[in-house]
């Protein structure tokens, strides 16, 4: 081993690799491991910082959009809305049964509506897809 050659230079040549002692091999392996892990963690930290910046940028854009929606919702509209208490439960059940029958492609007479409950809050498209998948498993053919 020359004085000019570093341990990593010796690792490049397979023939000199055989001539290294066990300690030199372990030192070179440790250097390689630390470099690999260091580079990996550095890249992961950069990705984390990028995601954090993008998250903050998206939140500020969402807040600006919500403020605009709040302004448009604040202006009263001149439309009449029928109170929910005036709608009878029987007609609501009939409408829901007709919609289910149309979706299933069958007659409303073939359906038995046991219970109708309103879900609280607005549902997201992911929740709607999950509900459809859950209902599809309950079909009786």
N, C-alpha and C. Protein backbone atom coordinates (compact mmCIF):
# COMPACT_ATOMS: atom_id res chain seq x y z
N UNK A 1 0.85 -1.17 0.00
CA UNK A 1 0.00 0.00 0.00
C UNK A 1 0.89 1.23 0.00
N UNK A 2 0.74 2.06 -1.01
CA UNK A 2 1.51 3.30 -1.13
C UNK A 2 0.96 4.34 -0.16
N UNK A 3 1.73 5.31 0.14
CA UNK A 3 1.30 6.39 1.02
C UNK A 3 0.30 7.30 0.35
N UNK A 4 0.27 7.34 -0.99
CA UNK A 4 -0.63 8.21 -1.73
C UNK A 4 -2.03 7.62 -1.87
N UNK A 5 -2.16 6.32 -1.76
CA UNK A 5 -3.45 5.66 -1.98
C UNK A 5 -4.27 5.66 -0.70
N UNK A 6 -5.53 6.01 -0.84
CA UNK A 6 -6.43 5.93 0.31
C UNK A 6 -7.03 4.53 0.37
N UNK A 7 -7.70 4.25 1.43
CA UNK A 7 -8.31 2.94 1.61
C UNK A 7 -9.39 2.69 0.55
N UNK A 8 -10.12 3.71 0.18
CA UNK A 8 -11.17 3.55 -0.82
C UNK A 8 -10.57 3.33 -2.21
N UNK A 9 -9.39 3.88 -2.47
CA UNK A 9 -8.71 3.61 -3.74
C UNK A 9 -8.32 2.13 -3.82
N UNK A 10 -7.94 1.57 -2.70
CA UNK A 10 -7.56 0.15 -2.68
C UNK A 10 -8.78 -0.75 -2.89
N UNK A 11 -9.95 -0.29 -2.50
CA UNK A 11 -11.17 -1.09 -2.68
C UNK A 11 -11.57 -1.21 -4.14
N UNK A 12 -11.08 -0.33 -5.00
CA UNK A 12 -11.44 -0.37 -6.42
C UNK A 12 -10.84 -1.59 -7.12
N UNK A 13 -9.70 -1.99 -6.72
CA UNK A 13 -8.99 -3.08 -7.39
C UNK A 13 -9.24 -4.39 -6.63
N UNK A 14 -9.86 -5.39 -7.27
CA UNK A 14 -10.14 -6.65 -6.58
C UNK A 14 -8.88 -7.40 -6.14
N UNK A 15 -7.78 -7.24 -6.86
CA UNK A 15 -6.56 -7.96 -6.50
C UNK A 15 -5.96 -7.39 -5.21
N UNK A 16 -5.92 -6.09 -5.07
CA UNK A 16 -5.39 -5.51 -3.83
C UNK A 16 -6.35 -5.70 -2.68
N UNK A 17 -7.62 -5.89 -2.99
CA UNK A 17 -8.62 -6.14 -1.96
C UNK A 17 -8.28 -7.41 -1.19
N UNK A 18 -7.76 -8.41 -1.91
CA UNK A 18 -7.40 -9.68 -1.28
C UNK A 18 -6.21 -9.52 -0.34
N UNK A 19 -5.37 -8.54 -0.61
CA UNK A 19 -4.16 -8.37 0.20
C UNK A 19 -4.39 -7.53 1.44
N UNK A 20 -5.59 -6.93 1.58
CA UNK A 20 -5.87 -6.08 2.75
C UNK A 20 -6.12 -6.94 3.98
N UNK A 21 -5.82 -6.38 5.13
CA UNK A 21 -6.08 -7.09 6.38
C UNK A 21 -7.57 -6.99 6.71
N UNK A 22 -7.99 -7.78 7.69
CA UNK A 22 -9.39 -7.79 8.11
C UNK A 22 -9.81 -6.41 8.62
N UNK A 23 -8.97 -5.75 9.36
CA UNK A 23 -9.27 -4.42 9.90
C UNK A 23 -9.46 -3.39 8.81
N UNK A 24 -8.60 -3.44 7.78
CA UNK A 24 -8.73 -2.49 6.67
C UNK A 24 -10.01 -2.75 5.88
N UNK A 25 -10.35 -4.03 5.71
CA UNK A 25 -11.61 -4.35 5.01
C UNK A 25 -12.81 -3.84 5.79
N UNK A 26 -12.79 -4.04 7.11
CA UNK A 26 -13.92 -3.58 7.93
C UNK A 26 -14.01 -2.05 7.95
N UNK A 27 -12.87 -1.37 7.97
CA UNK A 27 -12.86 0.09 7.94
C UNK A 27 -13.44 0.60 6.62
N UNK A 28 -13.05 -0.01 5.52
CA UNK A 28 -13.58 0.38 4.21
C UNK A 28 -15.07 0.10 4.11
N UNK A 29 -15.51 -1.02 4.67
CA UNK A 29 -16.94 -1.34 4.66
C UNK A 29 -17.72 -0.34 5.50
N UNK A 30 -17.16 0.05 6.63
CA UNK A 30 -17.82 1.02 7.49
C UNK A 30 -17.93 2.38 6.79
N UNK A 31 -16.88 2.80 6.10
CA UNK A 31 -16.91 4.07 5.36
C UNK A 31 -17.98 4.02 4.27
N UNK A 32 -18.03 2.91 3.56
CA UNK A 32 -19.03 2.75 2.50
C UNK A 32 -20.45 2.81 3.07
N UNK A 33 -20.66 2.12 4.20
CA UNK A 33 -21.98 2.10 4.83
C UNK A 33 -22.39 3.50 5.30
N UNK A 34 -21.47 4.21 5.94
CA UNK A 34 -21.79 5.55 6.45
C UNK A 34 -22.08 6.50 5.30
N UNK A 35 -21.32 6.42 4.23
CA UNK A 35 -21.58 7.28 3.07
C UNK A 35 -22.96 6.98 2.47
N UNK A 36 -23.26 5.70 2.30
CA UNK A 36 -24.55 5.33 1.72
C UNK A 36 -25.72 5.78 2.58
N UNK A 37 -25.62 5.54 3.89
CA UNK A 37 -26.70 5.95 4.79
C UNK A 37 -26.80 7.47 4.87
N UNK A 38 -25.66 8.15 4.87
CA UNK A 38 -25.67 9.61 4.93
C UNK A 38 -26.34 10.22 3.72
N UNK A 39 -26.01 9.71 2.54
CA UNK A 39 -26.63 10.23 1.32
C UNK A 39 -28.12 9.94 1.33
N UNK A 40 -28.51 8.74 1.76
CA UNK A 40 -29.93 8.37 1.79
C UNK A 40 -30.70 9.30 2.73
N UNK A 41 -30.20 9.51 3.93
CA UNK A 41 -30.89 10.38 4.87
C UNK A 41 -30.91 11.83 4.40
N UNK A 42 -29.86 12.28 3.76
CA UNK A 42 -29.84 13.65 3.23
C UNK A 42 -30.93 13.82 2.19
N UNK A 43 -31.08 12.85 1.30
CA UNK A 43 -32.13 12.94 0.28
C UNK A 43 -33.51 12.86 0.93
N UNK A 44 -33.69 12.01 1.93
CA UNK A 44 -34.98 11.92 2.62
C UNK A 44 -35.32 13.23 3.32
N UNK A 45 -34.34 13.88 3.91
CA UNK A 45 -34.59 15.17 4.56
C UNK A 45 -34.97 16.22 3.52
N UNK A 46 -34.32 16.21 2.37
CA UNK A 46 -34.69 17.16 1.31
C UNK A 46 -36.12 16.92 0.82
N UNK A 47 -36.49 15.65 0.68
CA UNK A 47 -37.87 15.34 0.26
C UNK A 47 -38.85 15.80 1.32
N UNK A 48 -38.52 15.60 2.60
CA UNK A 48 -39.40 16.02 3.69
C UNK A 48 -39.58 17.55 3.68
N UNK A 49 -38.49 18.27 3.48
CA UNK A 49 -38.57 19.73 3.42
C UNK A 49 -39.43 20.17 2.23
N UNK A 50 -39.25 19.52 1.09
CA UNK A 50 -40.04 19.85 -0.10
C UNK A 50 -41.53 19.61 0.15
N UNK A 51 -41.86 18.50 0.78
CA UNK A 51 -43.27 18.19 1.07
C UNK A 51 -43.85 19.20 2.06
N UNK A 52 -43.06 19.59 3.07
CA UNK A 52 -43.53 20.58 4.05
C UNK A 52 -43.81 21.92 3.37
N UNK A 53 -42.93 22.34 2.48
CA UNK A 53 -43.13 23.60 1.76
C UNK A 53 -44.36 23.52 0.88
N UNK A 54 -44.53 22.40 0.18
CA UNK A 54 -45.70 22.25 -0.69
C UNK A 54 -46.98 22.21 0.14
N UNK A 55 -46.94 21.58 1.30
CA UNK A 55 -48.12 21.55 2.17
C UNK A 55 -48.52 22.94 2.62
N UNK A 56 -47.54 23.74 3.00
CA UNK A 56 -47.85 25.11 3.41
C UNK A 56 -48.37 25.94 2.24
N UNK A 57 -47.81 25.72 1.07
CA UNK A 57 -48.28 26.46 -0.12
C UNK A 57 -49.71 26.07 -0.45
N UNK A 58 -50.02 24.78 -0.31
CA UNK A 58 -51.39 24.32 -0.60
C UNK A 58 -52.37 24.85 0.44
N UNK A 59 -51.97 24.88 1.70
CA UNK A 59 -52.86 25.39 2.75
C UNK A 59 -53.17 26.86 2.55
N UNK A 60 -52.20 27.65 2.13
CA UNK A 60 -52.47 29.06 1.90
C UNK A 60 -53.40 29.24 0.71
N UNK A 61 -53.25 28.39 -0.30
CA UNK A 61 -54.14 28.47 -1.46
C UNK A 61 -55.56 28.05 -1.07
N UNK A 62 -55.69 27.02 -0.21
CA UNK A 62 -57.00 26.58 0.25
C UNK A 62 -57.67 27.66 1.09
N UNK A 63 -56.90 28.31 1.96
CA UNK A 63 -57.47 29.35 2.81
C UNK A 63 -57.96 30.52 1.97
N UNK A 64 -57.22 30.87 0.92
CA UNK A 64 -57.65 31.96 0.05
C UNK A 64 -58.94 31.58 -0.67
N UNK A 65 -59.04 30.33 -1.11
CA UNK A 65 -60.25 29.86 -1.78
C UNK A 65 -61.44 29.82 -0.84
N UNK A 66 -61.22 29.45 0.42
CA UNK A 66 -62.31 29.40 1.40
C UNK A 66 -62.80 30.79 1.74
N UNK A 67 -61.88 31.76 1.78
CA UNK A 67 -62.30 33.14 2.05
C UNK A 67 -63.19 33.65 0.93
N UNK A 68 -62.86 33.31 -0.32
CA UNK A 68 -63.69 33.73 -1.45
C UNK A 68 -65.05 33.05 -1.38
N UNK A 69 -65.09 31.77 -1.00
CA UNK A 69 -66.37 31.07 -0.86
C UNK A 69 -67.20 31.69 0.25
N UNK A 70 -66.54 32.07 1.35
CA UNK A 70 -67.27 32.67 2.47
C UNK A 70 -67.90 33.99 2.05
N UNK A 71 -67.22 34.74 1.22
CA UNK A 71 -67.76 36.01 0.75
C UNK A 71 -68.96 35.75 -0.14
N UNK A 72 -68.88 34.77 -1.02
CA UNK A 72 -70.02 34.49 -1.90
C UNK A 72 -71.18 33.88 -1.12
N UNK A 73 -70.90 33.11 -0.08
CA UNK A 73 -71.97 32.54 0.72
C UNK A 73 -72.65 33.59 1.60
N UNK A 74 -71.93 34.63 1.93
CA UNK A 74 -72.47 35.68 2.80
C UNK A 74 -73.54 36.49 2.09
N UNK A 75 -73.50 36.58 0.77
CA UNK A 75 -74.52 37.34 0.04
C UNK A 75 -75.80 36.52 -0.02
N UNK A 76 -76.91 37.06 0.45
CA UNK A 76 -78.16 36.30 0.47
C UNK A 76 -78.72 36.13 -0.95
N UNK A 77 -79.30 34.97 -1.16
CA UNK A 77 -79.92 34.69 -2.45
C UNK A 77 -81.44 34.74 -2.29
N UNK A 78 -82.11 35.04 -3.34
CA UNK A 78 -83.56 35.20 -3.29
C UNK A 78 -84.26 33.92 -3.71
N UNK A 79 -83.87 32.80 -3.16
CA UNK A 79 -84.54 31.55 -3.48
C UNK A 79 -85.21 31.02 -2.23
N UNK A 80 -86.37 30.40 -2.42
CA UNK A 80 -87.09 29.83 -1.29
C UNK A 80 -86.68 28.39 -1.12
N UNK A 81 -86.49 28.02 0.11
CA UNK A 81 -86.13 26.65 0.43
C UNK A 81 -87.24 26.09 1.30
N UNK A 82 -87.78 24.96 0.90
CA UNK A 82 -88.84 24.34 1.68
C UNK A 82 -88.23 23.72 2.94
N UNK A 83 -88.84 23.96 4.09
CA UNK A 83 -88.30 23.36 5.31
C UNK A 83 -88.38 21.84 5.25
N UNK A 84 -87.44 21.19 5.90
CA UNK A 84 -87.39 19.74 5.88
C UNK A 84 -88.55 19.12 6.62
N UNK A 85 -89.15 19.86 7.55
CA UNK A 85 -90.26 19.32 8.33
C UNK A 85 -91.51 19.14 7.48
N UNK A 86 -91.64 19.91 6.39
CA UNK A 86 -92.82 19.81 5.55
C UNK A 86 -92.81 18.56 4.67
N UNK A 87 -91.65 17.98 4.45
CA UNK A 87 -91.56 16.80 3.61
C UNK A 87 -91.97 15.59 4.43
N UNK A 88 -92.95 14.87 3.94
CA UNK A 88 -93.41 13.71 4.72
C UNK A 88 -92.43 12.56 4.55
N UNK A 89 -92.35 11.74 5.57
CA UNK A 89 -91.43 10.61 5.54
C UNK A 89 -91.82 9.59 4.47
N UNK A 90 -93.12 9.43 4.24
CA UNK A 90 -93.55 8.45 3.25
C UNK A 90 -93.11 8.83 1.85
N UNK A 91 -93.24 10.11 1.50
CA UNK A 91 -92.82 10.52 0.16
C UNK A 91 -91.30 10.45 0.02
N UNK A 92 -90.58 10.73 1.09
CA UNK A 92 -89.12 10.64 1.06
C UNK A 92 -88.69 9.19 0.85
N UNK A 93 -89.34 8.28 1.54
CA UNK A 93 -89.02 6.86 1.37
C UNK A 93 -89.35 6.41 -0.04
N UNK A 94 -90.46 6.89 -0.58
CA UNK A 94 -90.84 6.52 -1.94
C UNK A 94 -89.83 7.02 -2.96
N UNK A 95 -89.34 8.23 -2.77
CA UNK A 95 -88.36 8.80 -3.69
C UNK A 95 -87.04 8.03 -3.60
N UNK A 96 -86.60 7.73 -2.39
CA UNK A 96 -85.34 6.98 -2.21
C UNK A 96 -85.46 5.58 -2.78
N UNK A 97 -86.60 4.93 -2.56
CA UNK A 97 -86.81 3.58 -3.11
C UNK A 97 -86.83 3.61 -4.62
N UNK A 98 -87.43 4.64 -5.21
CA UNK A 98 -87.46 4.76 -6.67
C UNK A 98 -86.06 4.98 -7.22
N UNK A 99 -85.26 5.78 -6.52
CA UNK A 99 -83.89 6.03 -6.98
C UNK A 99 -83.05 4.76 -6.91
N UNK A 100 -83.21 4.00 -5.83
CA UNK A 100 -82.46 2.74 -5.70
C UNK A 100 -82.92 1.75 -6.77
N UNK A 101 -84.22 1.69 -7.01
CA UNK A 101 -84.73 0.78 -8.03
C UNK A 101 -84.23 1.16 -9.42
N UNK A 102 -84.17 2.45 -9.71
CA UNK A 102 -83.65 2.89 -11.00
C UNK A 102 -82.18 2.55 -11.14
N UNK A 103 -81.44 2.69 -10.06
CA UNK A 103 -80.01 2.37 -10.10
C UNK A 103 -79.80 0.87 -10.27
N UNK A 104 -80.63 0.07 -9.62
CA UNK A 104 -80.48 -1.38 -9.70
C UNK A 104 -81.13 -1.95 -10.97
N UNK A 105 -81.99 -1.17 -11.60
CA UNK A 105 -82.66 -1.64 -12.81
C UNK A 105 -83.80 -2.60 -12.50
N UNK A 106 -84.48 -2.38 -11.40
CA UNK A 106 -85.59 -3.25 -10.99
C UNK A 106 -86.78 -2.38 -10.61
N UNK A 107 -87.86 -3.00 -10.22
CA UNK A 107 -89.08 -2.29 -9.84
C UNK A 107 -89.01 -1.92 -8.36
N UNK A 108 -89.59 -0.77 -7.97
CA UNK A 108 -89.61 -0.41 -6.55
C UNK A 108 -90.41 -1.40 -5.71
N UNK A 109 -91.29 -2.17 -6.34
CA UNK A 109 -92.07 -3.16 -5.60
C UNK A 109 -91.19 -4.30 -5.08
N UNK A 110 -90.04 -4.51 -5.73
CA UNK A 110 -89.14 -5.60 -5.33
C UNK A 110 -88.22 -5.20 -4.18
N UNK A 111 -88.31 -3.94 -3.73
CA UNK A 111 -87.43 -3.46 -2.67
C UNK A 111 -88.17 -3.36 -1.35
N UNK A 112 -87.45 -3.59 -0.28
CA UNK A 112 -87.97 -3.40 1.05
C UNK A 112 -87.05 -2.43 1.78
N UNK A 113 -87.56 -1.23 2.04
CA UNK A 113 -86.77 -0.22 2.73
C UNK A 113 -87.03 -0.39 4.22
N UNK A 114 -85.99 -0.74 4.95
CA UNK A 114 -86.14 -0.99 6.39
C UNK A 114 -85.82 0.25 7.21
N UNK A 115 -84.75 0.94 6.84
CA UNK A 115 -84.32 2.06 7.65
C UNK A 115 -83.59 3.06 6.77
N UNK A 116 -83.87 4.33 6.96
CA UNK A 116 -83.19 5.39 6.24
C UNK A 116 -82.64 6.35 7.28
N UNK A 117 -81.33 6.54 7.27
CA UNK A 117 -80.71 7.50 8.18
C UNK A 117 -79.84 8.45 7.38
N UNK A 118 -79.87 9.70 7.77
CA UNK A 118 -79.06 10.71 7.11
C UNK A 118 -77.68 10.72 7.76
N UNK A 119 -76.66 10.72 6.92
CA UNK A 119 -75.29 10.78 7.42
C UNK A 119 -74.95 12.22 7.78
N UNK A 120 -74.28 12.43 8.92
CA UNK A 120 -73.95 13.81 9.30
C UNK A 120 -72.83 14.37 8.43
N UNK A 121 -72.91 15.65 8.12
CA UNK A 121 -71.86 16.34 7.38
C UNK A 121 -71.89 16.01 5.89
N UNK A 122 -70.95 16.63 5.19
CA UNK A 122 -70.82 16.39 3.76
C UNK A 122 -69.93 15.18 3.55
N UNK A 123 -70.29 14.36 2.58
CA UNK A 123 -69.46 13.19 2.30
C UNK A 123 -68.52 13.49 1.14
N UNK A 124 -67.34 12.91 1.22
CA UNK A 124 -66.33 13.11 0.19
C UNK A 124 -66.48 12.06 -0.90
N UNK A 125 -65.88 12.25 -2.05
CA UNK A 125 -65.94 11.23 -3.09
C UNK A 125 -65.36 9.89 -2.63
N UNK A 126 -64.31 9.94 -1.77
CA UNK A 126 -63.75 8.68 -1.26
C UNK A 126 -64.77 7.96 -0.39
N UNK A 127 -65.49 8.71 0.43
CA UNK A 127 -66.50 8.10 1.28
C UNK A 127 -67.64 7.54 0.43
N UNK A 128 -68.02 8.25 -0.61
CA UNK A 128 -69.07 7.75 -1.50
C UNK A 128 -68.65 6.45 -2.17
N UNK A 129 -67.40 6.39 -2.62
CA UNK A 129 -66.92 5.16 -3.27
C UNK A 129 -66.90 4.00 -2.27
N UNK A 130 -66.51 4.28 -1.03
CA UNK A 130 -66.50 3.23 -0.01
C UNK A 130 -67.91 2.75 0.29
N UNK A 131 -68.86 3.69 0.36
CA UNK A 131 -70.25 3.29 0.60
C UNK A 131 -70.80 2.45 -0.54
N UNK A 132 -70.49 2.82 -1.78
CA UNK A 132 -70.95 2.04 -2.92
C UNK A 132 -70.35 0.63 -2.90
N UNK A 133 -69.08 0.54 -2.56
CA UNK A 133 -68.44 -0.78 -2.49
C UNK A 133 -69.07 -1.62 -1.38
N UNK A 134 -69.36 -1.00 -0.25
CA UNK A 134 -69.97 -1.72 0.86
C UNK A 134 -71.37 -2.19 0.48
N UNK A 135 -72.12 -1.33 -0.20
CA UNK A 135 -73.47 -1.71 -0.62
C UNK A 135 -73.44 -2.81 -1.68
N UNK A 136 -72.43 -2.81 -2.52
CA UNK A 136 -72.33 -3.83 -3.56
C UNK A 136 -72.12 -5.22 -2.95
N UNK A 137 -71.48 -5.28 -1.79
CA UNK A 137 -71.29 -6.58 -1.15
C UNK A 137 -72.56 -7.10 -0.52
N UNK A 138 -73.55 -6.25 -0.34
CA UNK A 138 -74.79 -6.66 0.31
C UNK A 138 -75.90 -7.01 -0.68
N UNK A 139 -75.62 -6.95 -1.97
CA UNK A 139 -76.63 -7.26 -2.97
C UNK A 139 -77.02 -8.72 -2.89
N UNK A 140 -78.32 -8.95 -3.04
CA UNK A 140 -78.81 -10.32 -3.11
C UNK A 140 -79.29 -10.55 -4.54
N UNK A 141 -78.73 -11.53 -5.17
CA UNK A 141 -79.08 -11.78 -6.58
C UNK A 141 -80.11 -12.87 -6.68
